[in-house]
Amino acid sequence: MIVCLVGPTGVGKSEVALDLAERLGAEIVCADSRQVYRGLDIGTAKPSVAERSRVPHHLLDLVDPDEAYSAGRYARDAAACVSALHARGARVLLVGGTGLYVRALLWGLCDGPTADPDLRSAWLARERCEPGAVYRRLSDVDPASAAAIHPNDLPKALRAIEVFELTGTPLSAMQRAHGFRAPRYDAVIVGLRRDREDLYRRIDARVDGMVEAGLEEEVAGLMRRGYGSDAPGLRAVGYRQIVGALGGAYDLSEAIRLTKRDTRRYAKRQITWFAADPAVRWVDVKDDARVDEVVTRVVARLDDAVGVTAKRREGW
């Protein structure tokens, strides 16, 4: 069995996951599309060295910021990681807010063509000359995918165009045919959620904390190493806004404002994604709730899901 802890950014997954992993005797497998990048530490709220020493974490720091990383690749990496953990008798706690990564591991992805670097480079060049060209093309050839992909999510839009241009079939049609009907694992999914105003306050405070911790210096260091605004890692929320400030498009205060705004928007999309999944068992978290209280409630939801008592949890 795989236990999954999901929810929007800023909801408190990381803190709960550490205590929950210790209580279950599990190791954490991360499902975060930005924590896979090396060097993106502060702005992705990557677990600290102390936290990783406390509970082993997997699938962090897999690629450099200028490398593309897809849900399909994550599904392969995560499946190999889960198999290795199960082979040595370790329990798995999947933690993250990237819903597509969670789905890719648990349900697999529809078959599609391998990436075409030349095609992607051509579209990226066109996007630089004609901002919005990629999304306009996607809207023409695959309106269903365009409706599901944010206009600023260039990697997903490029992949959908790539699928269409290489196969002649819209990605949305392939996904409908796949149907995600055959789960690959026996999984229990618990989601954390908060009152929207509470969540947004936490997000704003989190961004302020990242800036105080040195986010601007982290981004400047990445740029000095040669990573530009077109690097996939630096298109993440928080990083692209700081890149804009360092490039002179606006000042740091505006970058912080934009980061808060875009993080709230991203959290809203995460909430919508997970709310549409009937398999998620929700735990509502109050602003003053202690972590141990939340963990106890999560464990109760797990017990309810698998139909066992706490005494039988050792069989997980």
C-alpha atoms as a PDB file:
ATOM      1  CA  MET A   1       0.000   0.000   0.000  1.00  0.00           C
ATOM      2  CA  ILE A   2       1.036   3.582  -0.699  1.00  0.00           C
ATOM      3  CA  VAL A   3      -0.146   6.351   1.613  1.00  0.00           C
ATOM      4  CA  CYS A   4      -0.450   9.729  -0.144  1.00  0.00           C
ATOM      5  CA  LEU A   5      -0.605  13.164   1.470  1.00  0.00           C
ATOM      6  CA  VAL A   6      -1.705  15.878  -0.939  1.00  0.00           C
ATOM      7  CA  GLY A   7      -2.989  19.442  -0.938  1.00  0.00           C
ATOM      8  CA  PRO A   8      -2.147  22.948  -2.145  1.00  0.00           C
ATOM      9  CA  THR A   9       1.104  24.752  -1.527  1.00  0.00           C
ATOM     10  CA  GLY A  10       1.275  26.372   1.898  1.00  0.00           C
ATOM     11  CA  VAL A  11      -1.315  24.100   3.499  1.00  0.00           C
ATOM     12  CA  GLY A  12       1.255  22.453   5.805  1.00  0.00           C
ATOM     13  CA  LYS A  13       1.996  19.127   4.092  1.00  0.00           C
ATOM     14  CA  SER A  14       5.722  19.128   4.844  1.00  0.00           C
ATOM     15  CA  GLU A  15       5.353  19.555   8.603  1.00  0.00           C
ATOM     16  CA  VAL A  16       2.618  16.946   8.830  1.00  0.00           C
ATOM     17  CA  ALA A  17       4.506  14.540   6.556  1.00  0.00           C
ATOM     18  CA  LEU A  18       7.526  14.385   8.858  1.00  0.00           C
ATOM     19  CA  ASP A  19       5.471  13.398  11.909  1.00  0.00           C
ATOM     20  CA  LEU A  20       3.232  11.110   9.871  1.00  0.00           C
ATOM     21  CA  ALA A  21       6.211   9.295   8.329  1.00  0.00           C
ATOM     22  CA  GLU A  22       7.686   8.722  11.773  1.00  0.00           C
ATOM     23  CA  ARG A  23       4.391   7.442  13.115  1.00  0.00           C
ATOM     24  CA  LEU A  24       3.946   5.062  10.178  1.00  0.00           C
ATOM     25  CA  GLY A  25       7.608   4.105   9.954  1.00  0.00           C
ATOM     26  CA  ALA A  26       7.613   5.290   6.336  1.00  0.00           C
ATOM     27  CA  GLU A  27      10.013   7.048   3.990  1.00  0.00           C
ATOM     28  CA  ILE A  28       8.869  10.075   1.994  1.00  0.00           C
ATOM     29  CA  VAL A  29       8.649  10.028  -1.794  1.00  0.00           C
ATOM     30  CA  CYS A  30       8.213  13.603  -3.035  1.00  0.00           C
ATOM     31  CA  ALA A  31       5.734  14.550  -5.749  1.00  0.00           C
ATOM     32  CA  ASP A  32       6.772  18.115  -6.503  1.00  0.00           C
ATOM     33  CA  SER A  33       7.528  19.285 -10.036  1.00  0.00           C
ATOM     34  CA  ARG A  34      10.021  21.943  -8.865  1.00  0.00           C
ATOM     35  CA  GLN A  35      11.846  20.178  -6.063  1.00  0.00           C
ATOM     36  CA  VAL A  36      13.297  17.825  -8.687  1.00  0.00           C
ATOM     37  CA  TYR A  37      15.619  20.687  -9.722  1.00  0.00           C
ATOM     38  CA  ARG A  38      19.060  21.027  -8.177  1.00  0.00           C
ATOM     39  CA  GLY A  39      19.783  24.441  -6.749  1.00  0.00           C
ATOM     40  CA  LEU A  40      16.137  25.418  -6.373  1.00  0.00           C
ATOM     41  CA  ASP A  41      16.007  25.117  -2.601  1.00  0.00           C
ATOM     42  CA  ILE A  42      14.592  28.218  -0.948  1.00  0.00           C
ATOM     43  CA  GLY A  43      11.889  29.023  -3.485  1.00  0.00           C
ATOM     44  CA  THR A  44      10.580  25.452  -3.581  1.00  0.00           C
ATOM     45  CA  ALA A  45      10.591  25.024   0.211  1.00  0.00           C
ATOM     46  CA  LYS A  46      12.759  21.949  -0.287  1.00  0.00           C
ATOM     47  CA  PRO A  47      13.223  19.866   2.886  1.00  0.00           C
ATOM     48  CA  SER A  48      16.289  20.889   4.854  1.00  0.00           C
ATOM     49  CA  VAL A  49      19.270  18.664   5.571  1.00  0.00           C
ATOM     50  CA  ALA A  50      17.981  18.218   9.129  1.00  0.00           C
ATOM     51  CA  GLU A  51      14.541  17.187   7.888  1.00  0.00           C
ATOM     52  CA  ARG A  52      16.033  14.707   5.438  1.00  0.00           C
ATOM     53  CA  SER A  53      18.148  13.280   8.236  1.00  0.00           C
ATOM     54  CA  ARG A  54      15.047  12.898  10.366  1.00  0.00           C
ATOM     55  CA  VAL A  55      13.099  11.055   7.632  1.00  0.00           C
ATOM     56  CA  PRO A  56      14.600   9.834   4.332  1.00  0.00           C
ATOM     57  CA  HIS A  57      13.270  11.789   1.331  1.00  0.00           C
ATOM     58  CA  HIS A  58      13.373  10.568  -2.259  1.00  0.00           C
ATOM     59  CA  LEU A  59      13.080  12.169  -5.732  1.00  0.00           C
ATOM     60  CA  LEU A  60      14.691  15.483  -4.839  1.00  0.00           C
ATOM     61  CA  ASP A  61      17.508  17.126  -6.836  1.00  0.00           C
ATOM     62  CA  LEU A  62      17.179  14.903  -9.890  1.00  0.00           C
ATOM     63  CA  VAL A  63      18.023  17.322 -12.722  1.00  0.00           C
ATOM     64  CA  ASP A  64      19.735  20.645 -13.400  1.00  0.00           C
ATOM     65  CA  PRO A  65      17.598  23.779 -13.864  1.00  0.00           C
ATOM     66  CA  ASP A  66      18.022  23.784 -17.652  1.00  0.00           C
ATOM     67  CA  GLU A  67      16.730  20.222 -18.094  1.00  0.00           C
ATOM     68  CA  ALA A  68      13.153  19.388 -18.974  1.00  0.00           C
ATOM     69  CA  TYR A  69      11.417  16.992 -16.604  1.00  0.00           C
ATOM     70  CA  SER A  70       8.029  15.486 -17.424  1.00  0.00           C
ATOM     71  CA  ALA A  71       5.241  13.638 -15.658  1.00  0.00           C
ATOM     72  CA  GLY A  72       6.135  10.562 -17.683  1.00  0.00           C
ATOM     73  CA  ARG A  73       9.701  10.661 -16.458  1.00  0.00           C
ATOM     74  CA  TYR A  74       8.477  11.189 -12.916  1.00  0.00           C
ATOM     75  CA  ALA A  75       6.198   8.159 -13.207  1.00  0.00           C
ATOM     76  CA  ARG A  76       9.165   6.000 -14.193  1.00  0.00           C
ATOM     77  CA  ASP A  77      11.469   7.414 -11.520  1.00  0.00           C
ATOM     78  CA  ALA A  78       8.820   7.176  -8.817  1.00  0.00           C
ATOM     79  CA  ALA A  79       7.823   3.620  -9.747  1.00  0.00           C
ATOM     80  CA  ALA A  80      11.465   2.521  -9.533  1.00  0.00           C
ATOM     81  CA  CYS A  81      11.805   4.273  -6.179  1.00  0.00           C
ATOM     82  CA  VAL A  82       8.650   2.667  -4.781  1.00  0.00           C
ATOM     83  CA  SER A  83       9.772  -0.766  -5.969  1.00  0.00           C
ATOM     84  CA  ALA A  84      13.156  -0.334  -4.292  1.00  0.00           C
ATOM     85  CA  LEU A  85      11.531   0.762  -1.026  1.00  0.00           C
ATOM     86  CA  HIS A  86       9.062  -2.114  -1.057  1.00  0.00           C
ATOM     87  CA  ALA A  87      11.858  -4.563  -1.882  1.00  0.00           C
ATOM     88  CA  ARG A  88      13.614  -3.727   1.368  1.00  0.00           C
ATOM     89  CA  GLY A  89      10.406  -3.661   3.372  1.00  0.00           C
ATOM     90  CA  ALA A  90      10.081   0.121   3.710  1.00  0.00           C
ATOM     91  CA  ARG A  91       6.711   1.830   3.781  1.00  0.00           C
ATOM     92  CA  VAL A  92       5.965   4.589   1.304  1.00  0.00           C
ATOM     93  CA  LEU A  93       4.495   8.004   2.049  1.00  0.00           C
ATOM     94  CA  LEU A  94       3.959   9.949  -1.168  1.00  0.00           C
ATOM     95  CA  VAL A  95       3.836  13.687  -0.432  1.00  0.00           C
ATOM     96  CA  GLY A  96       3.261  16.572  -2.791  1.00  0.00           C
ATOM     97  CA  GLY A  97       1.056  19.083  -4.495  1.00  0.00           C
ATOM     98  CA  THR A  98       1.741  18.263  -8.143  1.00  0.00           C
ATOM     99  CA  GLY A  99      -1.460  16.424  -8.916  1.00  0.00           C
ATOM    100  CA  LEU A 100      -0.331  15.215 -12.321  1.00  0.00           C
ATOM    101  CA  TYR A 101       2.711  13.538 -10.771  1.00  0.00           C
ATOM    102  CA  VAL A 102       0.536  11.756  -8.216  1.00  0.00           C
ATOM    103  CA  ARG A 103      -1.812  10.600 -10.959  1.00  0.00           C
ATOM    104  CA  ALA A 104       1.068   9.529 -13.184  1.00  0.00           C
ATOM    105  CA  LEU A 105       2.477   7.259 -10.479  1.00  0.00           C
ATOM    106  CA  LEU A 106      -0.793   5.789  -9.241  1.00  0.00           C
ATOM    107  CA  TRP A 107      -2.611   5.441 -12.571  1.00  0.00           C
ATOM    108  CA  GLY A 108       0.023   5.710 -15.267  1.00  0.00           C
ATOM    109  CA  LEU A 109      -0.145   7.982 -18.301  1.00  0.00           C
ATOM    110  CA  CYS A 110      -1.507   7.455 -21.769  1.00  0.00           C
ATOM    111  CA  ASP A 111       1.033   6.372 -24.373  1.00  0.00           C
ATOM    112  CA  GLY A 112       2.551   9.218 -26.361  1.00  0.00           C
ATOM    113  CA  PRO A 113       5.529   9.957 -28.593  1.00  0.00           C
ATOM    114  CA  THR A 114       8.940  10.621 -27.133  1.00  0.00           C
ATOM    115  CA  ALA A 115      10.034  14.232 -26.876  1.00  0.00           C
ATOM    116  CA  ASP A 116      11.257  15.949 -30.033  1.00  0.00           C
ATOM    117  CA  PRO A 117      13.959  18.482 -29.020  1.00  0.00           C
ATOM    118  CA  ASP A 118      14.031  20.163 -32.447  1.00  0.00           C
ATOM    119  CA  LEU A 119      10.288  20.696 -32.487  1.00  0.00           C
ATOM    120  CA  ARG A 120      10.327  22.116 -28.982  1.00  0.00           C
ATOM    121  CA  SER A 121      13.258  24.415 -29.758  1.00  0.00           C
ATOM    122  CA  ALA A 122      11.438  25.757 -32.805  1.00  0.00           C
ATOM    123  CA  TRP A 123       8.317  26.538 -30.793  1.00  0.00           C
ATOM    124  CA  LEU A 124      10.325  28.101 -27.977  1.00  0.00           C
ATOM    125  CA  ALA A 125      12.063  30.356 -30.501  1.00  0.00           C
ATOM    126  CA  ARG A 126       8.698  31.345 -31.931  1.00  0.00           C
ATOM    127  CA  GLU A 127       7.354  32.017 -28.434  1.00  0.00           C
ATOM    128  CA  ARG A 128      10.234  34.394 -27.748  1.00  0.00           C
ATOM    129  CA  CYS A 129       9.405  36.342 -30.940  1.00  0.00           C
ATOM    130  CA  GLU A 130       5.631  36.075 -30.574  1.00  0.00           C
ATOM    131  CA  PRO A 131       4.618  35.783 -26.903  1.00  0.00           C
ATOM    132  CA  GLY A 132       1.522  33.623 -26.633  1.00  0.00           C
ATOM    133  CA  ALA A 133       2.158  31.762 -29.896  1.00  0.00           C
ATOM    134  CA  VAL A 134       2.380  28.365 -28.185  1.00  0.00           C
ATOM    135  CA  TYR A 135      -0.916  28.711 -26.362  1.00  0.00           C
ATOM    136  CA  ARG A 136      -2.678  30.056 -29.478  1.00  0.00           C
ATOM    137  CA  ARG A 137      -1.494  27.052 -31.466  1.00  0.00           C
ATOM    138  CA  LEU A 138      -2.662  24.699 -28.723  1.00  0.00           C
ATOM    139  CA  SER A 139      -6.080  26.363 -28.663  1.00  0.00           C
ATOM    140  CA  ASP A 140      -6.375  25.752 -32.415  1.00  0.00           C
ATOM    141  CA  VAL A 141      -5.334  22.083 -32.481  1.00  0.00           C
ATOM    142  CA  ASP A 142      -6.488  20.839 -29.058  1.00  0.00           C
ATOM    143  CA  PRO A 143      -9.068  23.142 -27.415  1.00  0.00           C
ATOM    144  CA  ALA A 144      -9.761  20.616 -24.627  1.00  0.00           C
ATOM    145  CA  SER A 145      -6.129  20.576 -23.548  1.00  0.00           C
ATOM    146  CA  ALA A 146      -5.928  24.369 -23.847  1.00  0.00           C
ATOM    147  CA  ALA A 147      -8.894  24.674 -21.484  1.00  0.00           C
ATOM    148  CA  ALA A 148      -7.129  22.477 -18.922  1.00  0.00           C
ATOM    149  CA  ILE A 149      -3.652  24.063 -19.194  1.00  0.00           C
ATOM    150  CA  HIS A 150      -2.849  27.495 -17.829  1.00  0.00           C
ATOM    151  CA  PRO A 151      -1.656  29.900 -20.562  1.00  0.00           C
ATOM    152  CA  ASN A 152       1.602  30.433 -18.644  1.00  0.00           C
ATOM    153  CA  ASP A 153       2.333  26.701 -18.282  1.00  0.00           C
ATOM    154  CA  LEU A 154       4.671  26.486 -21.253  1.00  0.00           C
ATOM    155  CA  PRO A 155       6.012  22.926 -20.637  1.00  0.00           C
ATOM    156  CA  LYS A 156       2.535  21.363 -20.623  1.00  0.00           C
ATOM    157  CA  ALA A 157       1.387  23.402 -23.612  1.00  0.00           C
ATOM    158  CA  LEU A 158       4.513  22.417 -25.557  1.00  0.00           C
ATOM    159  CA  ARG A 159       3.958  18.754 -24.759  1.00  0.00           C
ATOM    160  CA  ALA A 160       0.364  18.891 -25.984  1.00  0.00           C
ATOM    161  CA  ILE A 161       1.450  20.563 -29.245  1.00  0.00           C
ATOM    162  CA  GLU A 162       4.255  18.029 -29.614  1.00  0.00           C
ATOM    163  CA  VAL A 163       1.835  15.118 -29.262  1.00  0.00           C
ATOM    164  CA  PHE A 164      -0.494  16.567 -31.876  1.00  0.00           C
ATOM    165  CA  GLU A 165       2.210  17.443 -34.383  1.00  0.00           C
ATOM    166  CA  LEU A 166       3.939  14.061 -34.083  1.00  0.00           C
ATOM    167  CA  THR A 167       0.813  11.889 -34.094  1.00  0.00           C
ATOM    168  CA  GLY A 168      -2.003  13.969 -35.565  1.00  0.00           C
ATOM    169  CA  THR A 169      -4.101  13.101 -32.504  1.00  0.00           C
ATOM    170  CA  PRO A 170      -4.884  15.637 -29.761  1.00  0.00           C
ATOM    171  CA  LEU A 171      -3.427  14.806 -26.358  1.00  0.00           C
ATOM    172  CA  SER A 172      -6.880  15.249 -24.815  1.00  0.00           C
ATOM    173  CA  ALA A 173      -8.235  12.489 -27.083  1.00  0.00           C
ATOM    174  CA  MET A 174      -5.429  10.155 -26.003  1.00  0.00           C
ATOM    175  CA  GLN A 175      -6.169  10.892 -22.370  1.00  0.00           C
ATOM    176  CA  ARG A 176      -9.874  10.176 -22.836  1.00  0.00           C
ATOM    177  CA  ALA A 177      -9.031   6.849 -24.478  1.00  0.00           C
ATOM    178  CA  HIS A 178      -6.666   5.946 -21.632  1.00  0.00           C
ATOM    179  CA  GLY A 179      -9.319   6.783 -19.054  1.00  0.00           C
ATOM    180  CA  PHE A 180      -6.994   6.226 -16.072  1.00  0.00           C
ATOM    181  CA  ARG A 181      -9.082   3.168 -15.205  1.00  0.00           C
ATOM    182  CA  ALA A 182      -6.425   0.717 -14.004  1.00  0.00           C
ATOM    183  CA  PRO A 183      -4.669   1.733 -10.775  1.00  0.00           C
ATOM    184  CA  ARG A 184      -1.076   0.542 -10.522  1.00  0.00           C
ATOM    185  CA  TYR A 185      -0.991   0.587  -6.720  1.00  0.00           C
ATOM    186  CA  ASP A 186      -3.260   0.083  -3.738  1.00  0.00           C
ATOM    187  CA  ALA A 187      -3.230   3.653  -2.462  1.00  0.00           C
ATOM    188  CA  VAL A 188      -4.991   5.720   0.171  1.00  0.00           C
ATOM    189  CA  ILE A 189      -5.004   9.464  -0.491  1.00  0.00           C
ATOM    190  CA  VAL A 190      -5.512  12.003   2.280  1.00  0.00           C
ATOM    191  CA  GLY A 191      -5.735  15.703   1.460  1.00  0.00           C
ATOM    192  CA  LEU A 192      -5.139  18.672   3.726  1.00  0.00           C
ATOM    193  CA  ARG A 193      -7.225  21.791   3.239  1.00  0.00           C
ATOM    194  CA  ARG A 194      -7.653  25.115   5.008  1.00  0.00           C
ATOM    195  CA  ASP A 195     -10.000  28.040   4.892  1.00  0.00           C
ATOM    196  CA  ARG A 196      -9.067  30.021   1.774  1.00  0.00           C
ATOM    197  CA  GLU A 197      -8.200  33.240   3.642  1.00  0.00           C
ATOM    198  CA  ASP A 198      -6.068  31.291   6.118  1.00  0.00           C
ATOM    199  CA  LEU A 199      -4.253  29.540   3.261  1.00  0.00           C
ATOM    200  CA  TYR A 200      -3.576  32.802   1.465  1.00  0.00           C
ATOM    201  CA  ARG A 201      -2.206  34.400   4.641  1.00  0.00           C
ATOM    202  CA  ARG A 202       0.145  31.444   5.040  1.00  0.00           C
ATOM    203  CA  ILE A 203       1.249  31.741   1.417  1.00  0.00           C
ATOM    204  CA  ASP A 204       2.032  35.447   1.801  1.00  0.00           C
ATOM    205  CA  ALA A 205       4.004  34.783   4.987  1.00  0.00           C
ATOM    206  CA  ARG A 206       5.812  31.909   3.305  1.00  0.00           C
ATOM    207  CA  VAL A 207       6.925  34.115   0.417  1.00  0.00           C
ATOM    208  CA  ASP A 208       8.158  36.772   2.853  1.00  0.00           C
ATOM    209  CA  GLY A 209      10.112  34.063   4.667  1.00  0.00           C
ATOM    210  CA  MET A 210      11.689  32.861   1.426  1.00  0.00           C
ATOM    211  CA  VAL A 211      12.839  36.372   0.577  1.00  0.00           C
ATOM    212  CA  GLU A 212      14.301  36.810   4.058  1.00  0.00           C
ATOM    213  CA  ALA A 213      16.052  33.445   3.701  1.00  0.00           C
ATOM    214  CA  GLY A 214      17.836  34.613   0.553  1.00  0.00           C
ATOM    215  CA  LEU A 215      15.653  33.792  -2.454  1.00  0.00           C
ATOM    216  CA  GLU A 216      17.011  36.742  -4.440  1.00  0.00           C
ATOM    217  CA  GLU A 217      20.584  35.610  -3.814  1.00  0.00           C
ATOM    218  CA  GLU A 218      19.692  32.031  -4.747  1.00  0.00           C
ATOM    219  CA  VAL A 219      18.254  33.139  -8.104  1.00  0.00           C
ATOM    220  CA  ALA A 220      21.189  35.479  -8.773  1.00  0.00           C
ATOM    221  CA  GLY A 221      23.568  32.593  -8.135  1.00  0.00           C
ATOM    222  CA  LEU A 222      21.730  30.385 -10.615  1.00  0.00           C
ATOM    223  CA  MET A 223      21.861  33.131 -13.235  1.00  0.00           C
ATOM    224  CA  ARG A 224      25.610  33.580 -12.668  1.00  0.00           C
ATOM    225  CA  ARG A 225      25.987  29.878 -13.404  1.00  0.00           C
ATOM    226  CA  GLY A 226      24.448  30.507 -16.818  1.00  0.00           C
ATOM    227  CA  TYR A 227      20.823  29.571 -16.267  1.00  0.00           C
ATOM    228  CA  GLY A 228      18.535  32.054 -17.989  1.00  0.00           C
ATOM    229  CA  SER A 229      14.836  32.843 -17.937  1.00  0.00           C
ATOM    230  CA  ASP A 230      14.175  30.078 -20.484  1.00  0.00           C
ATOM    231  CA  ALA A 231      15.528  27.350 -18.165  1.00  0.00           C
ATOM    232  CA  PRO A 232      12.602  25.120 -17.123  1.00  0.00           C
ATOM    233  CA  GLY A 233      13.554  25.363 -13.464  1.00  0.00           C
ATOM    234  CA  LEU A 234      13.572  29.146 -13.477  1.00  0.00           C
ATOM    235  CA  ARG A 235      10.067  29.300 -14.890  1.00  0.00           C
ATOM    236  CA  ALA A 236       8.751  28.168 -11.501  1.00  0.00           C
ATOM    237  CA  VAL A 237       6.641  30.563  -9.452  1.00  0.00           C
ATOM    238  CA  GLY A 238       8.936  32.762  -7.395  1.00  0.00           C
ATOM    239  CA  TYR A 239      11.939  32.179  -9.621  1.00  0.00           C
ATOM    240  CA  ARG A 240      10.608  33.766 -12.789  1.00  0.00           C
ATOM    241  CA  GLN A 241       9.424  36.816 -10.825  1.00  0.00           C
ATOM    242  CA  ILE A 242      12.843  37.297  -9.216  1.00  0.00           C
ATOM    243  CA  VAL A 243      14.512  36.789 -12.603  1.00  0.00           C
ATOM    244  CA  GLY A 244      12.354  39.649 -13.887  1.00  0.00           C
ATOM    245  CA  ALA A 245      13.452  41.900 -11.036  1.00  0.00           C
ATOM    246  CA  LEU A 246      17.121  41.061 -11.534  1.00  0.00           C
ATOM    247  CA  GLY A 247      16.705  41.765 -15.230  1.00  0.00           C
ATOM    248  CA  GLY A 248      15.353  45.235 -14.508  1.00  0.00           C
ATOM    249  CA  ALA A 249      11.730  44.650 -15.515  1.00  0.00           C
ATOM    250  CA  TYR A 250      10.569  45.817 -12.071  1.00  0.00           C
ATOM    251  CA  ASP A 251      11.884  46.125  -8.527  1.00  0.00           C
ATOM    252  CA  LEU A 252      12.064  43.497  -5.792  1.00  0.00           C
ATOM    253  CA  SER A 253       8.890  44.665  -4.057  1.00  0.00           C
ATOM    254  CA  GLU A 254       6.943  44.114  -7.273  1.00  0.00           C
ATOM    255  CA  ALA A 255       8.544  40.681  -7.688  1.00  0.00           C
ATOM    256  CA  ILE A 256       7.373  39.774  -4.182  1.00  0.00           C
ATOM    257  CA  ARG A 257       3.855  41.015  -4.928  1.00  0.00           C
ATOM    258  CA  LEU A 258       3.721  39.019  -8.153  1.00  0.00           C
ATOM    259  CA  THR A 259       5.083  35.914  -6.429  1.00  0.00           C
ATOM    260  CA  LYS A 260       2.385  36.093  -3.758  1.00  0.00           C
ATOM    261  CA  ARG A 261      -0.313  36.624  -6.353  1.00  0.00           C
ATOM    262  CA  ASP A 262       0.866  33.826  -8.636  1.00  0.00           C
ATOM    263  CA  THR A 263       1.386  31.416  -5.738  1.00  0.00           C
ATOM    264  CA  ARG A 264      -2.202  32.023  -4.615  1.00  0.00           C
ATOM    265  CA  ARG A 265      -3.380  31.378  -8.154  1.00  0.00           C
ATOM    266  CA  TYR A 266      -1.350  28.187  -8.315  1.00  0.00           C
ATOM    267  CA  ALA A 267      -2.803  27.036  -4.990  1.00  0.00           C
ATOM    268  CA  LYS A 268      -6.287  27.656  -6.349  1.00  0.00           C
ATOM    269  CA  ARG A 269      -5.567  25.416  -9.340  1.00  0.00           C
ATOM    270  CA  GLN A 270      -4.211  22.722  -7.018  1.00  0.00           C
ATOM    271  CA  ILE A 271      -7.367  22.904  -4.901  1.00  0.00           C
ATOM    272  CA  THR A 272      -9.508  22.522  -8.020  1.00  0.00           C
ATOM    273  CA  TRP A 273      -7.449  19.544  -9.216  1.00  0.00           C
ATOM    274  CA  PHE A 274      -7.608  17.578  -5.973  1.00  0.00           C
ATOM    275  CA  ALA A 275     -11.226  18.522  -5.249  1.00  0.00           C
ATOM    276  CA  ALA A 276     -12.211  16.795  -8.487  1.00  0.00           C
ATOM    277  CA  ASP A 277     -10.718  13.494  -7.297  1.00  0.00           C
ATOM    278  CA  PRO A 278     -13.311  11.471  -5.360  1.00  0.00           C
ATOM    279  CA  ALA A 279     -10.573   9.229  -3.929  1.00  0.00           C
ATOM    280  CA  VAL A 280      -9.167  12.020  -1.757  1.00  0.00           C
ATOM    281  CA  ARG A 281     -10.177  11.843   1.906  1.00  0.00           C
ATOM    282  CA  TRP A 282     -10.044  15.338   3.327  1.00  0.00           C
ATOM    283  CA  VAL A 283      -8.796  16.623   6.649  1.00  0.00           C
ATOM    284  CA  ASP A 284      -9.711  20.241   7.415  1.00  0.00           C
ATOM    285  CA  VAL A 285      -6.930  22.089   9.233  1.00  0.00           C
ATOM    286  CA  LYS A 286      -7.637  25.065  11.476  1.00  0.00           C
ATOM    287  CA  ASP A 287      -5.215  27.959  11.762  1.00  0.00           C
ATOM    288  CA  ASP A 288      -4.302  27.120  15.375  1.00  0.00           C
ATOM    289  CA  ALA A 289      -4.131  23.332  14.957  1.00  0.00           C
ATOM    290  CA  ARG A 290      -0.986  21.614  16.268  1.00  0.00           C
ATOM    291  CA  VAL A 291       0.874  19.312  13.914  1.00  0.00           C
ATOM    292  CA  ASP A 292       0.415  16.283  16.179  1.00  0.00           C
ATOM    293  CA  GLU A 293      -3.346  16.888  16.224  1.00  0.00           C
ATOM    294  CA  VAL A 294      -3.462  16.977  12.433  1.00  0.00           C
ATOM    295  CA  VAL A 295      -1.364  13.817  12.170  1.00  0.00           C
ATOM    296  CA  THR A 296      -3.738  11.994  14.535  1.00  0.00           C
ATOM    297  CA  ARG A 297      -6.672  12.981  12.342  1.00  0.00           C
ATOM    298  CA  VAL A 298      -4.837  11.888   9.201  1.00  0.00           C
ATOM    299  CA  VAL A 299      -4.090   8.499  10.741  1.00  0.00           C
ATOM    300  CA  ALA A 300      -7.747   8.150  11.672  1.00  0.00           C
ATOM    301  CA  ARG A 301      -8.683   8.762   8.031  1.00  0.00           C
ATOM    302  CA  LEU A 302      -6.170   6.132   6.975  1.00  0.00           C
ATOM    303  CA  ASP A 303      -7.574   3.640   9.457  1.00  0.00           C
ATOM    304  CA  ASP A 304     -11.049   4.344   8.166  1.00  0.00           C
ATOM    305  CA  ALA A 305      -9.897   3.956   4.576  1.00  0.00           C
ATOM    306  CA  VAL A 306      -8.299   0.556   5.003  1.00  0.00           C
ATOM    307  CA  GLY A 307     -10.842  -0.685   7.512  1.00  0.00           C
ATOM    308  CA  VAL A 308      -8.381  -1.568  10.221  1.00  0.00           C
ATOM    309  CA  THR A 309      -7.711  -0.481  13.771  1.00  0.00           C
ATOM    310  CA  ALA A 310      -4.542   1.224  14.915  1.00  0.00           C
ATOM    311  CA  LYS A 311      -3.306  -2.105  16.295  1.00  0.00           C
ATOM    312  CA  ARG A 312      -3.320  -3.612  12.812  1.00  0.00           C
ATOM    313  CA  ARG A 313      -1.442  -0.696  11.242  1.00  0.00           C
ATOM    314  CA  GLU A 314       1.763  -2.750  11.499  1.00  0.00           C
ATOM    315  CA  GLY A 315       0.501  -4.760   8.538  1.00  0.00           C
ATOM    316  CA  TRP A 316       0.800  -1.749   6.251  1.00  0.00           C
END
